[in-house]
């Protein structure tokens, strides 16, 4: 009778060890899965951020560094004299500020040589973090000013 109980006890112990082992493996796999999903989401954010910032930088260059003209290319942009904000929803479509999940911010200035510069930032509003940033310097022909270049564009 004792041998029967000891065999049952060993079998029960073996089953419990297997259950614990599989539970540990499942928890490790779930952690890895959620990390992979988070990396995938951040990768998607970065991909869209790079695309949207490069598009805005090309518009800014085409407008000779004029922030207000650049803002007019967007439907929902909020423009200030040297700053522009463009808002995007969670599907990376342009939207109003109240529906926004992301913001593209352009800050314009002039460097020490008189060339217009643009600082572009694509940020996640929920996480309050910058996803992608790019600086653009427009080099003007020697002797030209920003205002002369803009007048010529008109």
C-alpha atoms as a PDB file:
ATOM      1  CA  UNK A   1       0.000   0.000   0.000  1.00  0.00           C
ATOM      2  CA  UNK A   2       2.847   2.350   0.807  1.00  0.00           C
ATOM      3  CA  UNK A   3       4.422   1.833  -2.600  1.00  0.00           C
ATOM      4  CA  UNK A   4       1.139   2.748  -4.264  1.00  0.00           C
ATOM      5  CA  UNK A   5       0.970   6.027  -2.305  1.00  0.00           C
ATOM      6  CA  UNK A   6       4.608   6.847  -2.993  1.00  0.00           C
ATOM      7  CA  UNK A   7       4.104   6.222  -6.738  1.00  0.00           C
ATOM      8  CA  UNK A   8       1.007   8.433  -6.687  1.00  0.00           C
ATOM      9  CA  UNK A   9       2.880  11.123  -4.796  1.00  0.00           C
ATOM     10  CA  UNK A  10       5.782  11.055  -7.274  1.00  0.00           C
ATOM     11  CA  UNK A  11       3.377  11.210 -10.215  1.00  0.00           C
ATOM     12  CA  UNK A  12       1.483  14.124  -8.620  1.00  0.00           C
ATOM     13  CA  UNK A  13       4.770  15.897  -7.940  1.00  0.00           C
ATOM     14  CA  UNK A  14       5.860  15.352 -11.540  1.00  0.00           C
ATOM     15  CA  UNK A  15       2.563  16.768 -12.855  1.00  0.00           C
ATOM     16  CA  UNK A  16       2.895  19.823 -10.593  1.00  0.00           C
ATOM     17  CA  UNK A  17       6.470  20.431 -11.781  1.00  0.00           C
ATOM     18  CA  UNK A  18       5.324  20.185 -15.418  1.00  0.00           C
ATOM     19  CA  UNK A  19       2.469  22.626 -14.786  1.00  0.00           C
ATOM     20  CA  UNK A  20       4.875  25.097 -13.141  1.00  0.00           C
ATOM     21  CA  UNK A  21       7.363  24.702 -15.988  1.00  0.00           C
ATOM     22  CA  UNK A  22       4.713  25.331 -18.665  1.00  0.00           C
ATOM     23  CA  UNK A  23       3.272  28.282 -16.721  1.00  0.00           C
ATOM     24  CA  UNK A  24       6.742  29.842 -16.559  1.00  0.00           C
ATOM     25  CA  UNK A  25       7.274  29.280 -20.294  1.00  0.00           C
ATOM     26  CA  UNK A  26       3.869  30.801 -21.109  1.00  0.00           C
ATOM     27  CA  UNK A  27       4.602  33.891 -19.010  1.00  0.00           C
ATOM     28  CA  UNK A  28       7.995  34.353 -20.711  1.00  0.00           C
ATOM     29  CA  UNK A  29       6.387  33.968 -24.145  1.00  0.00           C
ATOM     30  CA  UNK A  30       3.678  36.510 -23.274  1.00  0.00           C
ATOM     31  CA  UNK A  31       6.275  39.051 -22.127  1.00  0.00           C
ATOM     32  CA  UNK A  32       8.186  38.578 -25.384  1.00  0.00           C
ATOM     33  CA  UNK A  33       4.991  38.857 -27.420  1.00  0.00           C
ATOM     34  CA  UNK A  34       3.983  42.149 -25.782  1.00  0.00           C
ATOM     35  CA  UNK A  35       7.501  43.536 -26.250  1.00  0.00           C
ATOM     36  CA  UNK A  36       7.364  42.621 -29.925  1.00  0.00           C
ATOM     37  CA  UNK A  37       3.977  44.339 -30.282  1.00  0.00           C
ATOM     38  CA  UNK A  38       5.291  47.492 -28.619  1.00  0.00           C
ATOM     39  CA  UNK A  39       8.366  47.502 -30.882  1.00  0.00           C
ATOM     40  CA  UNK A  40       6.099  47.034 -33.893  1.00  0.00           C
ATOM     41  CA  UNK A  41       3.920  49.986 -32.838  1.00  0.00           C
ATOM     42  CA  UNK A  42       6.953  52.215 -32.306  1.00  0.00           C
ATOM     43  CA  UNK A  43       8.371  51.141 -35.642  1.00  0.00           C
ATOM     44  CA  UNK A  44       5.106  52.093 -37.344  1.00  0.00           C
ATOM     45  CA  UNK A  45       5.131  55.476 -35.559  1.00  0.00           C
ATOM     46  CA  UNK A  46       8.724  56.092 -36.643  1.00  0.00           C
ATOM     47  CA  UNK A  47       8.007  55.117 -40.242  1.00  0.00           C
ATOM     48  CA  UNK A  48       5.048  57.489 -40.490  1.00  0.00           C
ATOM     49  CA  UNK A  49       6.931  60.194 -38.591  1.00  0.00           C
ATOM     50  CA  UNK A  50       9.845  60.094 -41.019  1.00  0.00           C
ATOM     51  CA  UNK A  51       7.488  60.233 -44.001  1.00  0.00           C
ATOM     52  CA  UNK A  52       5.432  63.137 -42.621  1.00  0.00           C
ATOM     53  CA  UNK A  53       8.486  65.137 -41.510  1.00  0.00           C
ATOM     54  CA  UNK A  54      10.241  64.666 -44.857  1.00  0.00           C
ATOM     55  CA  UNK A  55       7.079  65.767 -46.671  1.00  0.00           C
ATOM     56  CA  UNK A  56       6.782  68.867 -44.464  1.00  0.00           C
ATOM     57  CA  UNK A  57      10.491  69.631 -44.952  1.00  0.00           C
ATOM     58  CA  UNK A  58      10.067  69.469 -48.736  1.00  0.00           C
ATOM     59  CA  UNK A  59       7.099  71.868 -48.493  1.00  0.00           C
ATOM     60  CA  UNK A  60       9.131  74.191 -46.276  1.00  0.00           C
ATOM     61  CA  UNK A  61      11.986  74.200 -48.782  1.00  0.00           C
ATOM     62  CA  UNK A  62       9.532  74.826 -51.629  1.00  0.00           C
ATOM     63  CA  UNK A  63       8.135  77.821 -49.719  1.00  0.00           C
ATOM     64  CA  UNK A  64      11.676  79.247 -49.209  1.00  0.00           C
ATOM     65  CA  UNK A  65      11.452  78.818 -45.452  1.00  0.00           C
ATOM     66  CA  UNK A  66       8.142  80.647 -45.057  1.00  0.00           C
ATOM     67  CA  UNK A  67       6.332  78.965 -42.158  1.00  0.00           C
ATOM     68  CA  UNK A  68       2.945  80.536 -42.887  1.00  0.00           C
ATOM     69  CA  UNK A  69       3.024  79.438 -46.541  1.00  0.00           C
ATOM     70  CA  UNK A  70       4.021  75.953 -45.435  1.00  0.00           C
ATOM     71  CA  UNK A  71       1.080  75.882 -43.000  1.00  0.00           C
ATOM     72  CA  UNK A  72      -1.353  76.803 -45.796  1.00  0.00           C
ATOM     73  CA  UNK A  73      -0.501  73.499 -47.483  1.00  0.00           C
ATOM     74  CA  UNK A  74      -2.255  71.701 -44.621  1.00  0.00           C
ATOM     75  CA  UNK A  75      -5.978  71.784 -43.914  1.00  0.00           C
ATOM     76  CA  UNK A  76      -5.810  71.792 -40.101  1.00  0.00           C
ATOM     77  CA  UNK A  77      -2.501  73.567 -39.456  1.00  0.00           C
ATOM     78  CA  UNK A  78      -2.163  76.151 -36.718  1.00  0.00           C
ATOM     79  CA  UNK A  79       0.373  78.785 -37.725  1.00  0.00           C
ATOM     80  CA  UNK A  80       2.218  81.404 -35.738  1.00  0.00           C
ATOM     81  CA  UNK A  81       4.885  83.739 -37.187  1.00  0.00           C
ATOM     82  CA  UNK A  82       7.768  81.290 -36.681  1.00  0.00           C
ATOM     83  CA  UNK A  83       5.945  78.104 -35.691  1.00  0.00           C
ATOM     84  CA  UNK A  84       3.458  75.741 -37.240  1.00  0.00           C
ATOM     85  CA  UNK A  85       1.556  72.788 -35.775  1.00  0.00           C
ATOM     86  CA  UNK A  86      -0.093  70.064 -37.851  1.00  0.00           C
ATOM     87  CA  UNK A  87      -2.170  67.412 -36.046  1.00  0.00           C
ATOM     88  CA  UNK A  88      -2.706  63.776 -37.011  1.00  0.00           C
ATOM     89  CA  UNK A  89      -5.050  61.083 -35.692  1.00  0.00           C
ATOM     90  CA  UNK A  90      -4.091  57.526 -34.737  1.00  0.00           C
ATOM     91  CA  UNK A  91      -4.297  56.529 -38.412  1.00  0.00           C
ATOM     92  CA  UNK A  92      -1.786  59.285 -39.308  1.00  0.00           C
ATOM     93  CA  UNK A  93      -4.420  61.296 -41.147  1.00  0.00           C
ATOM     94  CA  UNK A  94      -4.495  65.060 -40.747  1.00  0.00           C
ATOM     95  CA  UNK A  95      -7.133  66.139 -38.231  1.00  0.00           C
ATOM     96  CA  UNK A  96      -8.231  68.877 -35.830  1.00  0.00           C
ATOM     97  CA  UNK A  97      -6.295  69.393 -32.591  1.00  0.00           C
ATOM     98  CA  UNK A  98      -9.073  67.901 -30.417  1.00  0.00           C
ATOM     99  CA  UNK A  99      -8.913  64.553 -32.305  1.00  0.00           C
ATOM    100  CA  UNK A 100      -5.123  64.392 -32.510  1.00  0.00           C
ATOM    101  CA  UNK A 101      -2.856  61.570 -31.394  1.00  0.00           C
ATOM    102  CA  UNK A 102       0.290  63.043 -32.983  1.00  0.00           C
ATOM    103  CA  UNK A 103       1.608  66.515 -33.763  1.00  0.00           C
ATOM    104  CA  UNK A 104       4.106  67.722 -36.338  1.00  0.00           C
ATOM    105  CA  UNK A 105       5.751  70.924 -35.160  1.00  0.00           C
ATOM    106  CA  UNK A 106       7.819  73.218 -37.357  1.00  0.00           C
ATOM    107  CA  UNK A 107       9.914  75.925 -35.730  1.00  0.00           C
ATOM    108  CA  UNK A 108      11.542  78.340 -38.148  1.00  0.00           C
ATOM    109  CA  UNK A 109      14.511  80.618 -37.516  1.00  0.00           C
ATOM    110  CA  UNK A 110      17.501  82.149 -39.278  1.00  0.00           C
ATOM    111  CA  UNK A 111      21.028  80.905 -38.677  1.00  0.00           C
ATOM    112  CA  UNK A 112      24.073  83.104 -38.163  1.00  0.00           C
ATOM    113  CA  UNK A 113      24.683  83.283 -41.924  1.00  0.00           C
ATOM    114  CA  UNK A 114      21.159  84.521 -42.623  1.00  0.00           C
ATOM    115  CA  UNK A 115      19.912  81.216 -44.028  1.00  0.00           C
ATOM    116  CA  UNK A 116      16.433  80.048 -42.963  1.00  0.00           C
ATOM    117  CA  UNK A 117      16.378  76.910 -40.804  1.00  0.00           C
ATOM    118  CA  UNK A 118      13.498  74.666 -39.881  1.00  0.00           C
ATOM    119  CA  UNK A 119      13.325  72.330 -36.895  1.00  0.00           C
ATOM    120  CA  UNK A 120      10.747  69.589 -37.463  1.00  0.00           C
ATOM    121  CA  UNK A 121       9.453  67.362 -34.653  1.00  0.00           C
ATOM    122  CA  UNK A 122       6.902  64.569 -34.903  1.00  0.00           C
ATOM    123  CA  UNK A 123       5.584  63.744 -31.418  1.00  0.00           C
ATOM    124  CA  UNK A 124       3.182  61.341 -29.749  1.00  0.00           C
ATOM    125  CA  UNK A 125       0.710  63.381 -27.687  1.00  0.00           C
ATOM    126  CA  UNK A 126      -0.330  60.517 -25.379  1.00  0.00           C
ATOM    127  CA  UNK A 127       3.211  59.488 -24.473  1.00  0.00           C
ATOM    128  CA  UNK A 128       4.467  63.075 -24.670  1.00  0.00           C
ATOM    129  CA  UNK A 129       7.556  61.902 -26.527  1.00  0.00           C
ATOM    130  CA  UNK A 130       9.353  62.943 -29.702  1.00  0.00           C
ATOM    131  CA  UNK A 131       9.263  60.175 -32.302  1.00  0.00           C
ATOM    132  CA  UNK A 132      11.368  61.827 -35.007  1.00  0.00           C
ATOM    133  CA  UNK A 133      13.217  65.113 -35.371  1.00  0.00           C
ATOM    134  CA  UNK A 134      14.926  66.723 -38.341  1.00  0.00           C
ATOM    135  CA  UNK A 135      16.674  70.046 -38.895  1.00  0.00           C
ATOM    136  CA  UNK A 136      16.676  71.645 -42.325  1.00  0.00           C
ATOM    137  CA  UNK A 137      18.886  74.539 -43.451  1.00  0.00           C
ATOM    138  CA  UNK A 138      18.049  76.325 -46.699  1.00  0.00           C
ATOM    139  CA  UNK A 139      21.207  77.715 -48.248  1.00  0.00           C
ATOM    140  CA  UNK A 140      20.583  80.937 -50.127  1.00  0.00           C
ATOM    141  CA  UNK A 141      22.804  82.213 -52.913  1.00  0.00           C
ATOM    142  CA  UNK A 142      25.577  84.477 -51.657  1.00  0.00           C
ATOM    143  CA  UNK A 143      24.334  88.011 -51.090  1.00  0.00           C
ATOM    144  CA  UNK A 144      20.625  87.075 -51.105  1.00  0.00           C
ATOM    145  CA  UNK A 145      18.358  87.577 -48.097  1.00  0.00           C
ATOM    146  CA  UNK A 146      15.373  85.544 -47.005  1.00  0.00           C
ATOM    147  CA  UNK A 147      12.965  88.344 -47.931  1.00  0.00           C
ATOM    148  CA  UNK A 148      14.486  88.695 -51.443  1.00  0.00           C
ATOM    149  CA  UNK A 149      14.184  84.966 -51.992  1.00  0.00           C
ATOM    150  CA  UNK A 150      10.547  84.974 -50.864  1.00  0.00           C
ATOM    151  CA  UNK A 151       9.664  87.961 -53.083  1.00  0.00           C
ATOM    152  CA  UNK A 152      11.122  86.164 -56.059  1.00  0.00           C
ATOM    153  CA  UNK A 153       8.959  83.107 -55.271  1.00  0.00           C
ATOM    154  CA  UNK A 154       5.796  85.237 -55.461  1.00  0.00           C
END
